Amino acid sequence: MIAIMGAGAYGFSMSSNYNSRPRAAEVLVRGNRFAVIRRRENQQDLTRGETIPASLLK
């Protein structure tokens, strides 16, 4: 596990799924409290919205 205390513009909003890599979770930390504010992506998240045209299935 790694904690990056300040990523500026290079946090989740600038991340990508290059090479089908899921993006990391985002965790908000304040003092000794924390909360997951965006869960880690999984394989289903990466392929959601993709379709195979019926003409290619024949």
PDB file of N, CA and C in Angstrom:
ATOM      1  N   MET A   1       0.847  -1.164   0.000  1.00  0.00           N
ATOM      2  CA  MET A   1       0.000   0.000   0.000  1.00  0.00           C
ATOM      3  C   MET A   1       0.896   1.232   0.000  1.00  0.00           C
ATOM      4  N   ILE A   2       0.432   2.273  -0.694  1.00  0.00           N
ATOM      5  CA  ILE A   2       1.184   3.515  -0.751  1.00  0.00           C
ATOM      6  C   ILE A   2       0.215   4.674  -0.516  1.00  0.00           C
ATOM      7  N   ALA A   3       0.662   5.667   0.192  1.00  0.00           N
ATOM      8  CA  ALA A   3      -0.148   6.866   0.423  1.00  0.00           C
ATOM      9  C   ALA A   3       0.559   8.054  -0.197  1.00  0.00           C
ATOM     10  N   ILE A   4      -0.144   8.764  -1.059  1.00  0.00           N
ATOM     11  CA  ILE A   4       0.380   9.984  -1.670  1.00  0.00           C
ATOM     12  C   ILE A   4      -0.446  11.115  -1.097  1.00  0.00           C
ATOM     13  N   MET A   5       0.174  11.916  -0.279  1.00  0.00           N
ATOM     14  CA  MET A   5      -0.556  12.915   0.496  1.00  0.00           C
ATOM     15  C   MET A   5      -1.118  14.059  -0.342  1.00  0.00           C
ATOM     16  N   GLY A   6      -0.498  14.399  -1.425  1.00  0.00           N
ATOM     17  CA  GLY A   6      -1.014  15.450  -2.289  1.00  0.00           C
ATOM     18  C   GLY A   6      -0.611  15.167  -3.723  1.00  0.00           C
ATOM     19  N   ALA A   7      -1.587  14.906  -4.584  1.00  0.00           N
ATOM     20  CA  ALA A   7      -1.273  14.568  -5.972  1.00  0.00           C
ATOM     21  C   ALA A   7      -1.596  15.712  -6.926  1.00  0.00           C
ATOM     22  N   GLY A   8      -2.133  16.794  -6.407  1.00  0.00           N
ATOM     23  CA  GLY A   8      -2.461  17.928  -7.265  1.00  0.00           C
ATOM     24  C   GLY A   8      -3.403  17.504  -8.380  1.00  0.00           C
ATOM     25  N   ALA A   9      -3.068  17.835  -9.607  1.00  0.00           N
ATOM     26  CA  ALA A   9      -3.910  17.500 -10.767  1.00  0.00           C
ATOM     27  C   ALA A   9      -3.707  16.074 -11.230  1.00  0.00           C
ATOM     28  N   TYR A  10      -2.860  15.308 -10.568  1.00  0.00           N
ATOM     29  CA  TYR A  10      -2.511  13.976 -11.059  1.00  0.00           C
ATOM     30  C   TYR A  10      -3.161  12.860 -10.261  1.00  0.00           C
ATOM     31  N   GLY A  11      -4.322  13.114  -9.706  1.00  0.00           N
ATOM     32  CA  GLY A  11      -5.056  12.089  -8.972  1.00  0.00           C
ATOM     33  C   GLY A  11      -5.914  11.264  -9.918  1.00  0.00           C
ATOM     34  N   PHE A  12      -7.037  10.790  -9.422  1.00  0.00           N
ATOM     35  CA  PHE A  12      -7.932   9.920 -10.184  1.00  0.00           C
ATOM     36  C   PHE A  12      -8.371  10.565 -11.495  1.00  0.00           C
ATOM     37  N   SER A  13      -8.610  11.865 -11.475  1.00  0.00           N
ATOM     38  CA  SER A  13      -9.130  12.537 -12.673  1.00  0.00           C
ATOM     39  C   SER A  13      -8.162  12.466 -13.854  1.00  0.00           C
ATOM     40  N   MET A  14      -6.891  12.311 -13.600  1.00  0.00           N
ATOM     41  CA  MET A  14      -5.904  12.234 -14.678  1.00  0.00           C
ATOM     42  C   MET A  14      -5.426  10.801 -14.931  1.00  0.00           C
ATOM     43  N   SER A  15      -5.970   9.838 -14.207  1.00  0.00           N
ATOM     44  CA  SER A  15      -5.550   8.456 -14.395  1.00  0.00           C
ATOM     45  C   SER A  15      -6.235   7.865 -15.620  1.00  0.00           C
ATOM     46  N   SER A  16      -5.756   6.725 -16.071  1.00  0.00           N
ATOM     47  CA  SER A  16      -6.352   6.076 -17.238  1.00  0.00           C
ATOM     48  C   SER A  16      -6.357   4.572 -17.029  1.00  0.00           C
ATOM     49  N   ASN A  17      -6.969   3.883 -17.973  1.00  0.00           N
ATOM     50  CA  ASN A  17      -7.033   2.427 -17.940  1.00  0.00           C
ATOM     51  C   ASN A  17      -6.123   1.830 -19.009  1.00  0.00           C
ATOM     52  N   TYR A  18      -5.022   2.500 -19.279  1.00  0.00           N
ATOM     53  CA  TYR A  18      -4.068   2.018 -20.280  1.00  0.00           C
ATOM     54  C   TYR A  18      -3.667   0.577 -19.970  1.00  0.00           C
ATOM     55  N   ASN A  19      -3.622  -0.258 -20.991  1.00  0.00           N
ATOM     56  CA  ASN A  19      -3.290  -1.680 -20.853  1.00  0.00           C
ATOM     57  C   ASN A  19      -4.247  -2.410 -19.920  1.00  0.00           C
ATOM     58  N   SER A  20      -5.494  -1.944 -19.886  1.00  0.00           N
ATOM     59  CA  SER A  20      -6.547  -2.586 -19.078  1.00  0.00           C
ATOM     60  C   SER A  20      -6.194  -2.679 -17.604  1.00  0.00           C
ATOM     61  N   ARG A  21      -5.543  -1.658 -17.091  1.00  0.00           N
ATOM     62  CA  ARG A  21      -5.204  -1.603 -15.664  1.00  0.00           C
ATOM     63  C   ARG A  21      -6.300  -0.863 -14.928  1.00  0.00           C
ATOM     64  N   PRO A  22      -6.886  -1.467 -13.900  1.00  0.00           N
ATOM     65  CA  PRO A  22      -7.912  -0.749 -13.136  1.00  0.00           C
ATOM     66  C   PRO A  22      -7.301   0.391 -12.323  1.00  0.00           C
ATOM     67  N   ARG A  23      -8.079   1.443 -12.157  1.00  0.00           N
ATOM     68  CA  ARG A  23      -7.611   2.579 -11.377  1.00  0.00           C
ATOM     69  C   ARG A  23      -7.702   2.264  -9.890  1.00  0.00           C
ATOM     70  N   ALA A  24      -6.840   2.867  -9.120  1.00  0.00           N
ATOM     71  CA  ALA A  24      -6.793   2.641  -7.675  1.00  0.00           C
ATOM     72  C   ALA A  24      -7.968   3.314  -6.980  1.00  0.00           C
ATOM     73  N   ALA A  25      -8.221   2.879  -5.769  1.00  0.00           N
ATOM     74  CA  ALA A  25      -9.252   3.506  -4.947  1.00  0.00           C
ATOM     75  C   ALA A  25      -8.768   4.881  -4.494  1.00  0.00           C
ATOM     76  N   GLU A  26      -9.714   5.728  -4.117  1.00  0.00           N
ATOM     77  CA  GLU A  26      -9.370   7.016  -3.519  1.00  0.00           C
ATOM     78  C   GLU A  26      -9.829   7.005  -2.069  1.00  0.00           C
ATOM     79  N   VAL A  27      -8.974   7.475  -1.209  1.00  0.00           N
ATOM     80  CA  VAL A  27      -9.272   7.495   0.223  1.00  0.00           C
ATOM     81  C   VAL A  27      -9.072   8.910   0.742  1.00  0.00           C
ATOM     82  N   LEU A  28     -10.069   9.405   1.445  1.00  0.00           N
ATOM     83  CA  LEU A  28      -9.990  10.725   2.056  1.00  0.00           C
ATOM     84  C   LEU A  28      -9.520  10.539   3.500  1.00  0.00           C
ATOM     85  N   VAL A  29      -8.472  11.256   3.880  1.00  0.00           N
ATOM     86  CA  VAL A  29      -7.896  11.119   5.214  1.00  0.00           C
ATOM     87  C   VAL A  29      -7.936  12.467   5.919  1.00  0.00           C
ATOM     88  N   ARG A  30      -8.380  12.444   7.165  1.00  0.00           N
ATOM     89  CA  ARG A  30      -8.362  13.653   7.998  1.00  0.00           C
ATOM     90  C   ARG A  30      -7.939  13.230   9.389  1.00  0.00           C
ATOM     91  N   GLY A  31      -6.751  13.613   9.756  1.00  0.00           N
ATOM     92  CA  GLY A  31      -6.219  13.203  11.056  1.00  0.00           C
ATOM     93  C   GLY A  31      -6.061  11.700  11.091  1.00  0.00           C
ATOM     94  N   ASN A  32      -6.698  11.046  12.053  1.00  0.00           N
ATOM     95  CA  ASN A  32      -6.603   9.588  12.142  1.00  0.00           C
ATOM     96  C   ASN A  32      -7.859   8.904  11.605  1.00  0.00           C
ATOM     97  N   ARG A  33      -8.700   9.650  10.900  1.00  0.00           N
ATOM     98  CA  ARG A  33      -9.913   9.088  10.300  1.00  0.00           C
ATOM     99  C   ARG A  33      -9.740   8.992   8.791  1.00  0.00           C
ATOM    100  N   PHE A  34     -10.388   8.011   8.187  1.00  0.00           N
ATOM    101  CA  PHE A  34     -10.317   7.854   6.739  1.00  0.00           C
ATOM    102  C   PHE A  34     -11.615   7.257   6.209  1.00  0.00           C
ATOM    103  N   ALA A  35     -11.861   7.478   4.930  1.00  0.00           N
ATOM    104  CA  ALA A  35     -13.034   6.898   4.263  1.00  0.00           C
ATOM    105  C   ALA A  35     -12.688   6.673   2.803  1.00  0.00           C
ATOM    106  N   VAL A  36     -13.102   5.543   2.277  1.00  0.00           N
ATOM    107  CA  VAL A  36     -12.943   5.276   0.841  1.00  0.00           C
ATOM    108  C   VAL A  36     -14.006   6.097   0.128  1.00  0.00           C
ATOM    109  N   ILE A  37     -13.583   7.006  -0.743  1.00  0.00           N
ATOM    110  CA  ILE A  37     -14.538   7.860  -1.443  1.00  0.00           C
ATOM    111  C   ILE A  37     -14.740   7.432  -2.893  1.00  0.00           C
ATOM    112  N   ARG A  38     -13.881   6.572  -3.390  1.00  0.00           N
ATOM    113  CA  ARG A  38     -14.070   5.964  -4.713  1.00  0.00           C
ATOM    114  C   ARG A  38     -13.425   4.587  -4.650  1.00  0.00           C
ATOM    115  N   ARG A  39     -14.229   3.537  -4.862  1.00  0.00           N
ATOM    116  CA  ARG A  39     -13.703   2.184  -4.746  1.00  0.00           C
ATOM    117  C   ARG A  39     -12.759   1.854  -5.897  1.00  0.00           C
ATOM    118  N   ARG A  40     -11.923   0.877  -5.689  1.00  0.00           N
ATOM    119  CA  ARG A  40     -11.007   0.392  -6.718  1.00  0.00           C
ATOM    120  C   ARG A  40     -11.822  -0.222  -7.853  1.00  0.00           C
ATOM    121  N   GLU A  41     -11.415   0.007  -9.091  1.00  0.00           N
ATOM    122  CA  GLU A  41     -12.109  -0.578 -10.230  1.00  0.00           C
ATOM    123  C   GLU A  41     -11.781  -2.070 -10.346  1.00  0.00           C
ATOM    124  N   ASN A  42     -12.704  -2.814 -10.939  1.00  0.00           N
ATOM    125  CA  ASN A  42     -12.452  -4.231 -11.196  1.00  0.00           C
ATOM    126  C   ASN A  42     -12.587  -4.506 -12.696  1.00  0.00           C
ATOM    127  N   GLN A  43     -12.413  -5.748 -13.100  1.00  0.00           N
ATOM    128  CA  GLN A  43     -12.449  -6.085 -14.529  1.00  0.00           C
ATOM    129  C   GLN A  43     -13.798  -5.764 -15.154  1.00  0.00           C
ATOM    130  N   GLN A  44     -14.871  -5.979 -14.425  1.00  0.00           N
ATOM    131  CA  GLN A  44     -16.204  -5.675 -14.947  1.00  0.00           C
ATOM    132  C   GLN A  44     -16.349  -4.175 -15.205  1.00  0.00           C
ATOM    133  N   ASP A  45     -15.792  -3.347 -14.352  1.00  0.00           N
ATOM    134  CA  ASP A  45     -15.822  -1.900 -14.567  1.00  0.00           C
ATOM    135  C   ASP A  45     -15.112  -1.534 -15.870  1.00  0.00           C
ATOM    136  N   LEU A  46     -14.021  -2.237 -16.171  1.00  0.00           N
ATOM    137  CA  LEU A  46     -13.236  -1.922 -17.365  1.00  0.00           C
ATOM    138  C   LEU A  46     -13.951  -2.280 -18.657  1.00  0.00           C
ATOM    139  N   THR A  47     -14.793  -3.324 -18.618  1.00  0.00           N
ATOM    140  CA  THR A  47     -15.447  -3.772 -19.848  1.00  0.00           C
ATOM    141  C   THR A  47     -16.898  -3.316 -19.963  1.00  0.00           C
ATOM    142  N   ARG A  48     -17.396  -2.638 -18.941  1.00  0.00           N
ATOM    143  CA  ARG A  48     -18.771  -2.134 -18.999  1.00  0.00           C
ATOM    144  C   ARG A  48     -18.908  -1.204 -20.200  1.00  0.00           C
ATOM    145  N   GLY A  49     -19.959  -1.391 -20.950  1.00  0.00           N
ATOM    146  CA  GLY A  49     -20.202  -0.535 -22.114  1.00  0.00           C
ATOM    147  C   GLY A  49     -19.601  -1.069 -23.406  1.00  0.00           C
ATOM    148  N   GLU A  50     -18.780  -2.095 -23.340  1.00  0.00           N
ATOM    149  CA  GLU A  50     -18.211  -2.676 -24.556  1.00  0.00           C
ATOM    150  C   GLU A  50     -19.165  -3.723 -25.121  1.00  0.00           C
ATOM    151  N   THR A  51     -19.252  -3.792 -26.422  1.00  0.00           N
ATOM    152  CA  THR A  51     -20.095  -4.784 -27.073  1.00  0.00           C
ATOM    153  C   THR A  51     -19.359  -5.410 -28.245  1.00  0.00           C
ATOM    154  N   ILE A  52     -19.795  -6.605 -28.624  1.00  0.00           N
ATOM    155  CA  ILE A  52     -19.273  -7.270 -29.823  1.00  0.00           C
ATOM    156  C   ILE A  52     -20.409  -7.265 -30.841  1.00  0.00           C
ATOM    157  N   PRO A  53     -20.200  -6.677 -32.006  1.00  0.00           N
ATOM    158  CA  PRO A  53     -21.258  -6.641 -33.019  1.00  0.00           C
ATOM    159  C   PRO A  53     -21.687  -8.059 -33.401  1.00  0.00           C
ATOM    160  N   ALA A  54     -22.996  -8.261 -33.576  1.00  0.00           N
ATOM    161  CA  ALA A  54     -23.536  -9.579 -33.913  1.00  0.00           C
ATOM    162  C   ALA A  54     -22.898 -10.139 -35.175  1.00  0.00           C
ATOM    163  N   SER A  55     -22.555  -9.280 -36.127  1.00  0.00           N
ATOM    164  CA  SER A  55     -21.963  -9.754 -37.389  1.00  0.00           C
ATOM    165  C   SER A  55     -20.590 -10.408 -37.165  1.00  0.00           C
ATOM    166  N   LEU A  56     -19.926 -10.111 -36.083  1.00  0.00           N
ATOM    167  CA  LEU A  56     -18.622 -10.715 -35.795  1.00  0.00           C
ATOM    168  C   LEU A  56     -18.752 -12.021 -35.016  1.00  0.00           C
ATOM    169  N   LEU A  57     -19.935 -12.328 -34.525  1.00  0.00           N
ATOM    170  CA  LEU A  57     -20.145 -13.543 -33.747  1.00  0.00           C
ATOM    171  C   LEU A  57     -20.474 -14.744 -34.614  1.00  0.00           C
ATOM    172  N   LYS A  58     -20.685 -14.541 -35.899  1.00  0.00           N
ATOM    173  CA  LYS A  58     -21.059 -15.631 -36.828  1.00  0.00           C
ATOM    174  C   LYS A  58     -19.852 -16.348 -37.356  1.00  0.00           C
TER     175      LYS A  58
END
